[in-house]
All heavy atoms as atom14 arrays in JSON, in Angstrom:
{
  "sequence": "SDEQVVYFKTLAQYRTNPAIIIGAKEGDEV",
  "atom14_mask": [
    [1, 1, 1, 1, 1, 1, 0, 0, 0, 0, 0, 0, 0, 0],
    [1, 1, 1, 1, 1, 1, 1, 1, 0, 0, 0, 0, 0, 0],
    [1, 1, 1, 1, 1, 1, 1, 1, 1, 0, 0, 0, 0, 0],
    [1, 1, 1, 1, 1, 1, 1, 1, 1, 0, 0, 0, 0, 0],
    [1, 1, 1, 1, 1, 1, 1, 0, 0, 0, 0, 0, 0, 0],
    [1, 1, 1, 1, 1, 1, 1, 0, 0, 0, 0, 0, 0, 0],
    [1, 1, 1, 1, 1, 1, 1, 1, 1, 1, 1, 1, 0, 0],
    [1, 1, 1, 1, 1, 1, 1, 1, 1, 1, 1, 0, 0, 0],
    [1, 1, 1, 1, 1, 1, 1, 1, 1, 0, 0, 0, 0, 0],
    [1, 1, 1, 1, 1, 1, 1, 0, 0, 0, 0, 0, 0, 0],
    [1, 1, 1, 1, 1, 1, 1, 1, 0, 0, 0, 0, 0, 0],
    [1, 1, 1, 1, 1, 0, 0, 0, 0, 0, 0, 0, 0, 0],
    [1, 1, 1, 1, 1, 1, 1, 1, 1, 0, 0, 0, 0, 0],
    [1, 1, 1, 1, 1, 1, 1, 1, 1, 1, 1, 1, 0, 0],
    [1, 1, 1, 1, 1, 1, 1, 1, 1, 1, 1, 0, 0, 0],
    [1, 1, 1, 1, 1, 1, 1, 0, 0, 0, 0, 0, 0, 0],
    [1, 1, 1, 1, 1, 1, 1, 1, 0, 0, 0, 0, 0, 0],
    [1, 1, 1, 1, 1, 1, 1, 0, 0, 0, 0, 0, 0, 0],
    [1, 1, 1, 1, 1, 0, 0, 0, 0, 0, 0, 0, 0, 0],
    [1, 1, 1, 1, 1, 1, 1, 1, 0, 0, 0, 0, 0, 0],
    [1, 1, 1, 1, 1, 1, 1, 1, 0, 0, 0, 0, 0, 0],
    [1, 1, 1, 1, 1, 1, 1, 1, 0, 0, 0, 0, 0, 0],
    [1, 1, 1, 1, 0, 0, 0, 0, 0, 0, 0, 0, 0, 0],
    [1, 1, 1, 1, 1, 0, 0, 0, 0, 0, 0, 0, 0, 0],
    [1, 1, 1, 1, 1, 1, 1, 1, 1, 0, 0, 0, 0, 0],
    [1, 1, 1, 1, 1, 1, 1, 1, 1, 0, 0, 0, 0, 0],
    [1, 1, 1, 1, 0, 0, 0, 0, 0, 0, 0, 0, 0, 0],
    [1, 1, 1, 1, 1, 1, 1, 1, 0, 0, 0, 0, 0, 0],
    [1, 1, 1, 1, 1, 1, 1, 1, 1, 0, 0, 0, 0, 0],
    [1, 1, 1, 1, 1, 1, 1, 0, 0, 0, 0, 0, 0, 0]
  ],
  "atom14_positions": [
    [[18.75, 42.51, 74.01], [18.55, 43.47, 75.05], [17.43, 44.52, 74.59], [17.74, 45.21, 73.68], [19.82, 44.32, 75.26], [19.74, 45.31, 76.23], [0.0, 0.0, 0.0], [0.0, 0.0, 0.0], [0.0, 0.0, 0.0], [0.0, 0.0, 0.0], [0.0, 0.0, 0.0], [0.0, 0.0, 0.0], [0.0, 0.0, 0.0], [0.0, 0.0, 0.0]],
    [[16.36, 44.36, 75.28], [15.15, 45.2, 74.87], [15.04, 46.36, 75.8], [14.2, 47.28, 75.55], [13.93, 44.41, 74.74], [13.47, 43.84, 76.11], [14.45, 43.61, 77.0], [12.33, 43.55, 76.38], [0.0, 0.0, 0.0], [0.0, 0.0, 0.0], [0.0, 0.0, 0.0], [0.0, 0.0, 0.0], [0.0, 0.0, 0.0], [0.0, 0.0, 0.0]],
    [[15.77, 46.34, 76.92], [15.62, 47.53, 77.92], [16.93, 48.32, 77.98], [16.88, 49.49, 77.94], [15.25, 46.92, 79.24], [13.94, 46.26, 79.31], [13.6, 45.74, 80.72], [14.5, 45.74, 81.59], [12.43, 45.25, 80.89], [0.0, 0.0, 0.0], [0.0, 0.0, 0.0], [0.0, 0.0, 0.0], [0.0, 0.0, 0.0], [0.0, 0.0, 0.0]],
    [[18.05, 47.54, 78.12], [19.38, 48.29, 78.16], [19.95, 48.3, 76.79], [19.86, 47.32, 76.0], [20.19, 47.66, 79.14], [19.77, 47.55, 80.66], [20.71, 46.95, 81.6], [21.69, 46.3, 81.22], [20.41, 47.03, 82.82], [0.0, 0.0, 0.0], [0.0, 0.0, 0.0], [0.0, 0.0, 0.0], [0.0, 0.0, 0.0], [0.0, 0.0, 0.0]],
    [[20.76, 49.37, 76.48], [21.32, 49.5, 75.26], [22.65, 48.76, 75.24], [23.3, 48.49, 76.23], [21.62, 50.97, 74.93], [20.21, 51.69, 74.75], [22.51, 51.71, 75.97], [0.0, 0.0, 0.0], [0.0, 0.0, 0.0], [0.0, 0.0, 0.0], [0.0, 0.0, 0.0], [0.0, 0.0, 0.0], [0.0, 0.0, 0.0], [0.0, 0.0, 0.0]],
    [[23.04, 48.26, 74.01], [24.35, 47.61, 73.86], [25.13, 48.4, 72.66], [24.46, 49.08, 71.92], [24.19, 46.17, 73.49], [23.5, 45.35, 74.55], [23.23, 45.94, 72.21], [0.0, 0.0, 0.0], [0.0, 0.0, 0.0], [0.0, 0.0, 0.0], [0.0, 0.0, 0.0], [0.0, 0.0, 0.0], [0.0, 0.0, 0.0], [0.0, 0.0, 0.0]],
    [[26.32, 48.06, 72.67], [27.15, 48.82, 71.69], [27.31, 48.13, 70.4], [27.59, 46.88, 70.28], [28.61, 49.1, 72.27], [29.48, 49.9, 71.41], [29.2, 51.31, 71.24], [30.56, 49.44, 70.68], [30.02, 52.03, 70.48], [31.32, 50.18, 69.94], [30.98, 51.47, 69.79], [31.92, 52.34, 68.98], [0.0, 0.0, 0.0], [0.0, 0.0, 0.0]],
    [[26.99, 48.84, 69.27], [27.07, 48.39, 67.86], [28.42, 48.92, 67.37], [28.48, 50.15, 67.17], [25.89, 48.79, 67.06], [24.63, 48.05, 67.32], [23.88, 48.27, 68.46], [24.12, 47.06, 66.37], [22.77, 47.6, 68.73], [23.07, 46.41, 66.61], [22.23, 46.59, 67.77], [0.0, 0.0, 0.0], [0.0, 0.0, 0.0], [0.0, 0.0, 0.0]],
    [[29.45, 48.03, 67.04], [30.66, 48.47, 66.5], [30.55, 49.28, 65.21], [31.12, 50.3, 65.05], [31.61, 47.29, 66.36], [32.0, 46.62, 67.75], [33.03, 45.51, 67.49], [33.39, 44.8, 68.76], [34.39, 43.73, 68.51], [0.0, 0.0, 0.0], [0.0, 0.0, 0.0], [0.0, 0.0, 0.0], [0.0, 0.0, 0.0], [0.0, 0.0, 0.0]],
    [[29.84, 48.59, 64.28], [29.68, 49.15, 62.98], [29.05, 50.5, 62.95], [29.43, 51.44, 62.29], [28.98, 48.14, 62.05], [29.6, 46.95, 62.02], [28.89, 48.75, 60.61], [0.0, 0.0, 0.0], [0.0, 0.0, 0.0], [0.0, 0.0, 0.0], [0.0, 0.0, 0.0], [0.0, 0.0, 0.0], [0.0, 0.0, 0.0], [0.0, 0.0, 0.0]],
    [[27.93, 50.57, 63.78], [27.2, 51.81, 63.84], [27.82, 52.83, 64.76], [27.5, 54.0, 64.83], [25.78, 51.53, 64.29], [24.97, 50.65, 63.4], [23.58, 50.41, 63.97], [24.82, 51.17, 62.04], [0.0, 0.0, 0.0], [0.0, 0.0, 0.0], [0.0, 0.0, 0.0], [0.0, 0.0, 0.0], [0.0, 0.0, 0.0], [0.0, 0.0, 0.0]],
    [[28.74, 52.37, 65.63], [29.45, 53.11, 66.63], [28.46, 53.91, 67.5], [28.52, 55.08, 67.77], [30.41, 54.18, 65.99], [0.0, 0.0, 0.0], [0.0, 0.0, 0.0], [0.0, 0.0, 0.0], [0.0, 0.0, 0.0], [0.0, 0.0, 0.0], [0.0, 0.0, 0.0], [0.0, 0.0, 0.0], [0.0, 0.0, 0.0], [0.0, 0.0, 0.0]],
    [[27.45, 53.2, 68.02], [26.45, 53.73, 68.91], [25.8, 52.58, 69.69], [25.94, 51.47, 69.44], [25.37, 54.45, 68.0], [24.68, 53.54, 67.11], [23.62, 54.29, 66.23], [22.53, 54.37, 66.64], [24.02, 54.8, 65.11], [0.0, 0.0, 0.0], [0.0, 0.0, 0.0], [0.0, 0.0, 0.0], [0.0, 0.0, 0.0], [0.0, 0.0, 0.0]],
    [[25.14, 53.1, 70.78], [24.47, 52.23, 71.71], [23.02, 52.29, 71.29], [22.35, 53.29, 71.14], [24.77, 52.71, 73.18], [26.08, 52.42, 73.65], [27.03, 53.45, 73.55], [26.33, 51.3, 74.39], [28.31, 53.18, 74.05], [27.62, 51.04, 74.88], [28.63, 51.99, 74.74], [29.92, 51.82, 75.26], [0.0, 0.0, 0.0], [0.0, 0.0, 0.0]],
    [[22.46, 51.12, 71.31], [20.99, 50.95, 71.03], [20.52, 49.69, 71.46], [21.3, 48.76, 71.78], [20.77, 51.2, 69.55], [21.6, 50.27, 68.69], [21.42, 50.61, 67.21], [20.05, 50.54, 66.63], [19.8, 50.71, 65.43], [20.72, 51.14, 64.52], [18.53, 50.73, 65.07], [0.0, 0.0, 0.0], [0.0, 0.0, 0.0], [0.0, 0.0, 0.0]],
    [[19.16, 49.39, 71.65], [18.66, 48.13, 72.09], [18.83, 47.11, 70.9], [18.97, 47.53, 69.7], [17.23, 48.31, 72.39], [16.48, 48.79, 71.18], [16.99, 49.24, 73.54], [0.0, 0.0, 0.0], [0.0, 0.0, 0.0], [0.0, 0.0, 0.0], [0.0, 0.0, 0.0], [0.0, 0.0, 0.0], [0.0, 0.0, 0.0], [0.0, 0.0, 0.0]],
    [[18.81, 45.85, 71.34], [18.96, 44.78, 70.31], [17.82, 43.84, 70.49], [17.81, 43.1, 71.48], [20.35, 44.06, 70.59], [20.6, 43.03, 69.51], [20.08, 43.11, 68.39], [21.38, 42.08, 69.82], [0.0, 0.0, 0.0], [0.0, 0.0, 0.0], [0.0, 0.0, 0.0], [0.0, 0.0, 0.0], [0.0, 0.0, 0.0], [0.0, 0.0, 0.0]],
    [[16.9, 43.71, 69.52], [15.81, 42.78, 69.64], [16.0, 41.4, 69.28], [15.12, 40.63, 69.17], [14.64, 43.51, 68.59], [15.61, 44.03, 67.51], [16.78, 44.51, 68.24], [0.0, 0.0, 0.0], [0.0, 0.0, 0.0], [0.0, 0.0, 0.0], [0.0, 0.0, 0.0], [0.0, 0.0, 0.0], [0.0, 0.0, 0.0], [0.0, 0.0, 0.0]],
    [[17.17, 41.08, 68.92], [17.61, 39.73, 68.53], [18.98, 39.33, 69.1], [19.54, 40.11, 69.85], [17.58, 39.65, 67.07], [0.0, 0.0, 0.0], [0.0, 0.0, 0.0], [0.0, 0.0, 0.0], [0.0, 0.0, 0.0], [0.0, 0.0, 0.0], [0.0, 0.0, 0.0], [0.0, 0.0, 0.0], [0.0, 0.0, 0.0], [0.0, 0.0, 0.0]],
    [[19.35, 38.03, 68.82], [20.85, 37.86, 69.21], [21.49, 37.67, 67.8], [20.94, 37.21, 66.81], [20.91, 36.4, 69.97], [20.23, 35.32, 69.1], [20.2, 36.58, 71.27], [20.5, 33.91, 69.88], [0.0, 0.0, 0.0], [0.0, 0.0, 0.0], [0.0, 0.0, 0.0], [0.0, 0.0, 0.0], [0.0, 0.0, 0.0], [0.0, 0.0, 0.0]],
    [[22.73, 38.04, 67.8], [23.66, 37.96, 66.65], [24.63, 36.87, 66.83], [25.54, 36.91, 67.75], [24.39, 39.26, 66.48], [23.49, 40.51, 66.43], [25.17, 39.24, 65.13], [22.35, 40.38, 65.44], [0.0, 0.0, 0.0], [0.0, 0.0, 0.0], [0.0, 0.0, 0.0], [0.0, 0.0, 0.0], [0.0, 0.0, 0.0], [0.0, 0.0, 0.0]],
    [[24.49, 35.76, 66.12], [25.28, 34.59, 66.27], [26.39, 34.61, 65.2], [26.14, 34.64, 64.05], [24.46, 33.3, 66.09], [23.29, 33.3, 67.05], [25.31, 32.01, 66.32], [22.3, 32.15, 66.89], [0.0, 0.0, 0.0], [0.0, 0.0, 0.0], [0.0, 0.0, 0.0], [0.0, 0.0, 0.0], [0.0, 0.0, 0.0], [0.0, 0.0, 0.0]],
    [[27.68, 34.59, 65.69], [28.78, 34.53, 64.83], [28.84, 33.35, 64.03], [28.53, 32.13, 64.51], [0.0, 0.0, 0.0], [0.0, 0.0, 0.0], [0.0, 0.0, 0.0], [0.0, 0.0, 0.0], [0.0, 0.0, 0.0], [0.0, 0.0, 0.0], [0.0, 0.0, 0.0], [0.0, 0.0, 0.0], [0.0, 0.0, 0.0], [0.0, 0.0, 0.0]],
    [[29.2, 33.49, 62.7], [29.3, 32.17, 61.87], [30.24, 32.5, 60.67], [30.85, 33.67, 60.62], [27.91, 31.86, 61.29], [0.0, 0.0, 0.0], [0.0, 0.0, 0.0], [0.0, 0.0, 0.0], [0.0, 0.0, 0.0], [0.0, 0.0, 0.0], [0.0, 0.0, 0.0], [0.0, 0.0, 0.0], [0.0, 0.0, 0.0], [0.0, 0.0, 0.0]],
    [[30.4, 31.48, 59.81], [31.3, 31.67, 58.65], [30.28, 31.86, 57.44], [29.17, 31.22, 57.37], [32.17, 30.53, 58.39], [33.26, 30.38, 59.52], [34.12, 29.15, 59.22], [35.16, 28.98, 60.33], [36.03, 27.75, 60.05], [0.0, 0.0, 0.0], [0.0, 0.0, 0.0], [0.0, 0.0, 0.0], [0.0, 0.0, 0.0], [0.0, 0.0, 0.0]],
    [[30.63, 32.62, 56.5], [29.83, 32.76, 55.29], [29.73, 31.39, 54.57], [30.71, 30.71, 54.3], [30.49, 33.74, 54.31], [29.62, 34.14, 53.18], [30.1, 35.22, 52.31], [31.15, 35.91, 52.75], [29.82, 35.4, 51.11], [0.0, 0.0, 0.0], [0.0, 0.0, 0.0], [0.0, 0.0, 0.0], [0.0, 0.0, 0.0], [0.0, 0.0, 0.0]],
    [[28.47, 31.02, 54.25], [28.15, 29.75, 53.7], [27.7, 28.65, 54.64], [27.35, 27.55, 54.15], [0.0, 0.0, 0.0], [0.0, 0.0, 0.0], [0.0, 0.0, 0.0], [0.0, 0.0, 0.0], [0.0, 0.0, 0.0], [0.0, 0.0, 0.0], [0.0, 0.0, 0.0], [0.0, 0.0, 0.0], [0.0, 0.0, 0.0], [0.0, 0.0, 0.0]],
    [[27.82, 28.87, 55.99], [27.28, 27.98, 56.96], [25.79, 27.67, 56.71], [25.06, 28.7, 56.45], [27.6, 28.38, 58.41], [29.07, 28.27, 58.8], [29.78, 27.64, 58.06], [29.44, 28.86, 59.86], [0.0, 0.0, 0.0], [0.0, 0.0, 0.0], [0.0, 0.0, 0.0], [0.0, 0.0, 0.0], [0.0, 0.0, 0.0], [0.0, 0.0, 0.0]],
    [[25.37, 26.47, 56.9], [23.97, 26.19, 56.75], [23.17, 26.68, 57.95], [23.6, 26.53, 59.15], [23.65, 24.67, 56.46], [24.28, 24.18, 55.19], [24.02, 22.68, 55.02], [23.72, 21.89, 55.94], [24.14, 22.12, 53.86], [0.0, 0.0, 0.0], [0.0, 0.0, 0.0], [0.0, 0.0, 0.0], [0.0, 0.0, 0.0], [0.0, 0.0, 0.0]],
    [[21.88, 27.13, 57.69], [20.95, 27.56, 58.75], [19.82, 26.69, 58.76], [19.19, 26.39, 57.68], [20.56, 29.01, 58.46], [19.55, 29.51, 59.57], [21.76, 29.95, 58.49], [0.0, 0.0, 0.0], [0.0, 0.0, 0.0], [0.0, 0.0, 0.0], [0.0, 0.0, 0.0], [0.0, 0.0, 0.0], [0.0, 0.0, 0.0], [0.0, 0.0, 0.0]]
  ]
}
């Protein structure tokens, strides 16, 4: 989202997101 803000749980704030956050397990191969 480069125009509209989205909510960041950890930061507890709304802000734009220049990437996508893909859920995974620690140790998964990229």
